[in-house]
C-alpha atoms as a PDB file:
ATOM      1  CA  MET A   1       0.071  -0.083   0.005  1.00  0.00           C
ATOM      2  CA  LYS A   2       1.191   3.606  -0.918  1.00  0.00           C
ATOM      3  CA  ILE A   3       0.851   6.363   1.301  1.00  0.00           C
ATOM      4  CA  SER A   4       1.757  10.219   1.227  1.00  0.00           C
ATOM      5  CA  LYS A   5       3.985  11.888   3.054  1.00  0.00           C
ATOM      6  CA  ARG A   6       1.764  13.689   4.559  1.00  0.00           C
ATOM      7  CA  ALA A   7      -0.079  10.593   5.820  1.00  0.00           C
ATOM      8  CA  ARG A   8       3.326   8.898   6.963  1.00  0.00           C
ATOM      9  CA  LYS A   9       3.765  12.203   8.931  1.00  0.00           C
ATOM     10  CA  ALA A  10       0.042  11.754  10.511  1.00  0.00           C
ATOM     11  CA  LEU A  11       0.712   7.869  10.991  1.00  0.00           C
ATOM     12  CA  GLN A  12       3.982   8.648  12.858  1.00  0.00           C
ATOM     13  CA  GLY A  13       2.174  11.315  15.062  1.00  0.00           C
ATOM     14  CA  SER A  14      -0.665   8.610  16.197  1.00  0.00           C
ATOM     15  CA  ILE A  15       2.237   6.245  17.099  1.00  0.00           C
ATOM     16  CA  LYS A  16       3.443   8.756  19.103  1.00  0.00           C
ATOM     17  CA  LYS A  17       0.360   9.642  20.664  1.00  0.00           C
ATOM     18  CA  TRP A  18      -0.222   5.786  21.615  1.00  0.00           C
ATOM     19  CA  GLU A  19       3.077   5.755  22.881  1.00  0.00           C
ATOM     20  CA  LYS A  20       2.372   8.386  25.466  1.00  0.00           C
ATOM     21  CA  ILE A  21      -0.903   6.412  26.123  1.00  0.00           C
ATOM     22  CA  VAL A  22       0.861   3.133  26.861  1.00  0.00           C
ATOM     23  CA  TYR A  23       4.039   4.732  28.639  1.00  0.00           C
ATOM     24  CA  PHE A  24       3.359   7.976  30.156  1.00  0.00           C
ATOM     25  CA  ASN A  25      -0.388   8.205  30.959  1.00  0.00           C
ATOM     26  CA  GLY A  26      -1.380   9.998  27.626  1.00  0.00           C
ATOM     27  CA  GLU A  27      -4.963  10.163  26.921  1.00  0.00           C
ATOM     28  CA  ASP A  28      -7.033   9.213  23.664  1.00  0.00           C
ATOM     29  CA  ASP A  29      -9.702  12.008  23.183  1.00  0.00           C
ATOM     30  CA  GLY A  30     -10.815  10.153  19.741  1.00  0.00           C
ATOM     31  CA  VAL A  31     -10.958  11.992  16.590  1.00  0.00           C
ATOM     32  CA  SER A  32      -9.769  15.614  18.558  1.00  0.00           C
ATOM     33  CA  ASN A  33      -6.294  14.180  19.068  1.00  0.00           C
ATOM     34  CA  CYS A  34      -5.495  12.018  16.407  1.00  0.00           C
ATOM     35  CA  PRO A  35      -3.144  13.178  13.472  1.00  0.00           C
ATOM     36  CA  LEU A  36      -4.572  10.772  11.028  1.00  0.00           C
ATOM     37  CA  CYS A  37      -8.311  11.526  11.579  1.00  0.00           C
ATOM     38  CA  GLU A  38      -7.359  15.233  11.126  1.00  0.00           C
ATOM     39  CA  LEU A  39      -6.519  13.928   7.511  1.00  0.00           C
ATOM     40  CA  TYR A  40      -9.430  11.565   6.818  1.00  0.00           C
ATOM     41  CA  TYR A  41     -12.105  11.734   9.444  1.00  0.00           C
ATOM     42  CA  ASP A  42     -14.050  14.480   7.015  1.00  0.00           C
ATOM     43  CA  ASP A  43     -13.696  12.416   4.166  1.00  0.00           C
ATOM     44  CA  GLU A  44     -15.651   9.573   6.099  1.00  0.00           C
ATOM     45  CA  CYS A  45     -11.746   8.106   6.803  1.00  0.00           C
ATOM     46  CA  GLU A  46     -11.735   7.033   2.925  1.00  0.00           C
ATOM     47  CA  ASP A  47      -8.247   6.425   2.311  1.00  0.00           C
ATOM     48  CA  CYS A  48      -6.996   6.495   5.879  1.00  0.00           C
ATOM     49  CA  PRO A  49      -4.358   3.411   5.876  1.00  0.00           C
ATOM     50  CA  VAL A  50      -5.220   2.547   9.167  1.00  0.00           C
ATOM     51  CA  VAL A  51      -8.917   1.837   7.883  1.00  0.00           C
ATOM     52  CA  ILE A  52      -7.407   0.403   4.523  1.00  0.00           C
ATOM     53  CA  PHE A  53      -5.034  -1.742   6.734  1.00  0.00           C
ATOM     54  CA  GLY A  54      -7.800  -3.034   8.943  1.00  0.00           C
ATOM     55  CA  GLY A  55      -9.900  -4.271   6.240  1.00  0.00           C
ATOM     56  CA  GLY A  56     -12.155  -1.482   5.590  1.00  0.00           C
ATOM     57  CA  GLY A  57     -15.215  -0.806   7.566  1.00  0.00           C
ATOM     58  CA  SER A  58     -16.252   2.572   9.058  1.00  0.00           C
ATOM     59  CA  ASP A  59     -14.059   4.674  11.014  1.00  0.00           C
ATOM     60  CA  CYS A  60     -11.492   2.118  13.333  1.00  0.00           C
ATOM     61  CA  GLU A  61     -14.285  -0.706  13.442  1.00  0.00           C
ATOM     62  CA  ASN A  62     -11.935  -3.306  12.446  1.00  0.00           C
ATOM     63  CA  THR A  63      -8.934  -2.321  14.224  1.00  0.00           C
ATOM     64  CA  PRO A  64      -7.805  -2.757  17.901  1.00  0.00           C
ATOM     65  CA  TYR A  65      -9.074   0.899  18.647  1.00  0.00           C
ATOM     66  CA  TYR A  66     -12.620  -0.140  18.287  1.00  0.00           C
ATOM     67  CA  THR A  67     -11.945  -2.633  21.081  1.00  0.00           C
ATOM     68  CA  TRP A  68     -10.310  -0.154  23.293  1.00  0.00           C
ATOM     69  CA  THR A  69     -13.182   2.407  23.163  1.00  0.00           C
ATOM     70  CA  ASP A  70     -15.681  -0.366  23.857  1.00  0.00           C
ATOM     71  CA  HIS A  71     -14.061  -1.356  26.741  1.00  0.00           C
ATOM     72  CA  HIS A  72     -13.856   1.966  28.006  1.00  0.00           C
ATOM     73  CA  ARG A  73     -17.729   2.299  27.256  1.00  0.00           C
ATOM     74  CA  LYS A  74     -18.819  -0.833  28.611  1.00  0.00           C
ATOM     75  CA  VAL A  75     -16.197  -1.655  31.530  1.00  0.00           C
ATOM     76  CA  HIS A  76     -15.440   2.155  33.102  1.00  0.00           C
ATOM     77  CA  ASN A  77     -18.523   3.435  31.786  1.00  0.00           C
ATOM     78  CA  THR A  78     -16.663   6.610  30.306  1.00  0.00           C
ATOM     79  CA  THR A  79     -16.530   9.021  27.373  1.00  0.00           C
ATOM     80  CA  PHE A  80     -13.780  10.903  26.179  1.00  0.00           C
ATOM     81  CA  PRO A  81     -10.754  11.023  27.091  1.00  0.00           C
ATOM     82  CA  HIS A  82      -9.792   7.571  27.674  1.00  0.00           C
ATOM     83  CA  HIS A  83      -6.971   6.982  29.906  1.00  0.00           C
ATOM     84  CA  VAL A  84      -5.198   3.601  30.697  1.00  0.00           C
ATOM     85  CA  LYS A  85      -7.145   2.660  33.890  1.00  0.00           C
ATOM     86  CA  CYS A  86      -6.594  -1.235  34.232  1.00  0.00           C
ATOM     87  CA  ASP A  87      -4.008  -4.001  33.174  1.00  0.00           C
ATOM     88  CA  GLU A  88      -6.707  -4.861  30.215  1.00  0.00           C
ATOM     89  CA  CYS A  89      -6.892  -0.791  29.044  1.00  0.00           C
ATOM     90  CA  GLU A  90      -2.963  -1.230  29.132  1.00  0.00           C
ATOM     91  CA  LYS A  91      -2.717  -4.529  26.944  1.00  0.00           C
ATOM     92  CA  LEU A  92      -5.661  -2.556  24.269  1.00  0.00           C
ATOM     93  CA  ALA A  93      -3.573   0.378  24.087  1.00  0.00           C
ATOM     94  CA  LEU A  94      -0.350  -1.503  23.695  1.00  0.00           C
ATOM     95  CA  ASP A  95      -2.526  -3.826  20.648  1.00  0.00           C
ATOM     96  CA  GLU A  96      -3.344  -0.325  19.222  1.00  0.00           C
ATOM     97  CA  LEU A  97       0.165   0.844  19.535  1.00  0.00           C
ATOM     98  CA  ASN A  98       1.822  -2.545  17.749  1.00  0.00           C
ATOM     99  CA  PHE A  99      -1.232  -2.143  14.913  1.00  0.00           C
ATOM    100  CA  LEU A 100      -0.195   1.283  14.037  1.00  0.00           C
ATOM    101  CA  LYS A 101       3.581   0.376  13.989  1.00  0.00           C
ATOM    102  CA  ARG A 102       2.555  -2.680  11.883  1.00  0.00           C
ATOM    103  CA  VAL A 103       0.733  -0.203   9.310  1.00  0.00           C
ATOM    104  CA  ALA A 104       3.938   2.110   9.217  1.00  0.00           C
ATOM    105  CA  ARG A 105       6.206  -1.346   8.719  1.00  0.00           C
ATOM    106  CA  GLU A 106       3.926  -2.300   6.049  1.00  0.00           C
ATOM    107  CA  THR A 107       3.675   1.061   4.189  1.00  0.00           C
ATOM    108  CA  GLY A 108       7.332   2.307   4.960  1.00  0.00           C
ATOM    109  CA  GLU A 109       8.874   1.426   1.705  1.00  0.00           C
ATOM    110  CA  GLU A 110       6.187   2.659  -0.518  1.00  0.00           C
ATOM    111  CA  CYS A 111       6.010   6.554   0.491  1.00  0.00           C
ATOM    112  CA  HIS A 112       4.950   8.791  -2.672  1.00  0.00           C
ATOM    113  CA  GLU A 113       4.220  12.433  -3.038  1.00  0.00           C
END
């Protein structure tokens, strides 16, 4: 899959966001603090490398992110922003981080203008 330099930069920004969540008690505020959403959300996530890599669907429903937000809603009864609150949260946040890193690896050699 080819992605633009702009998409690559946004993907790296999303990875940094999740590194903060996993390792430094950062927060997930959904589309409000996602560099990829800044590029793609207004276009219904069309061409977002995360959605494409996750197999399509709306938003991030086929990615670990969906499980993370579902966990917060069902277990912690919280809305945004989300933080790591339990061992399961930590595992789910790490799953999302690793997923984003996998997307970066898979798209790393094929960056275009």
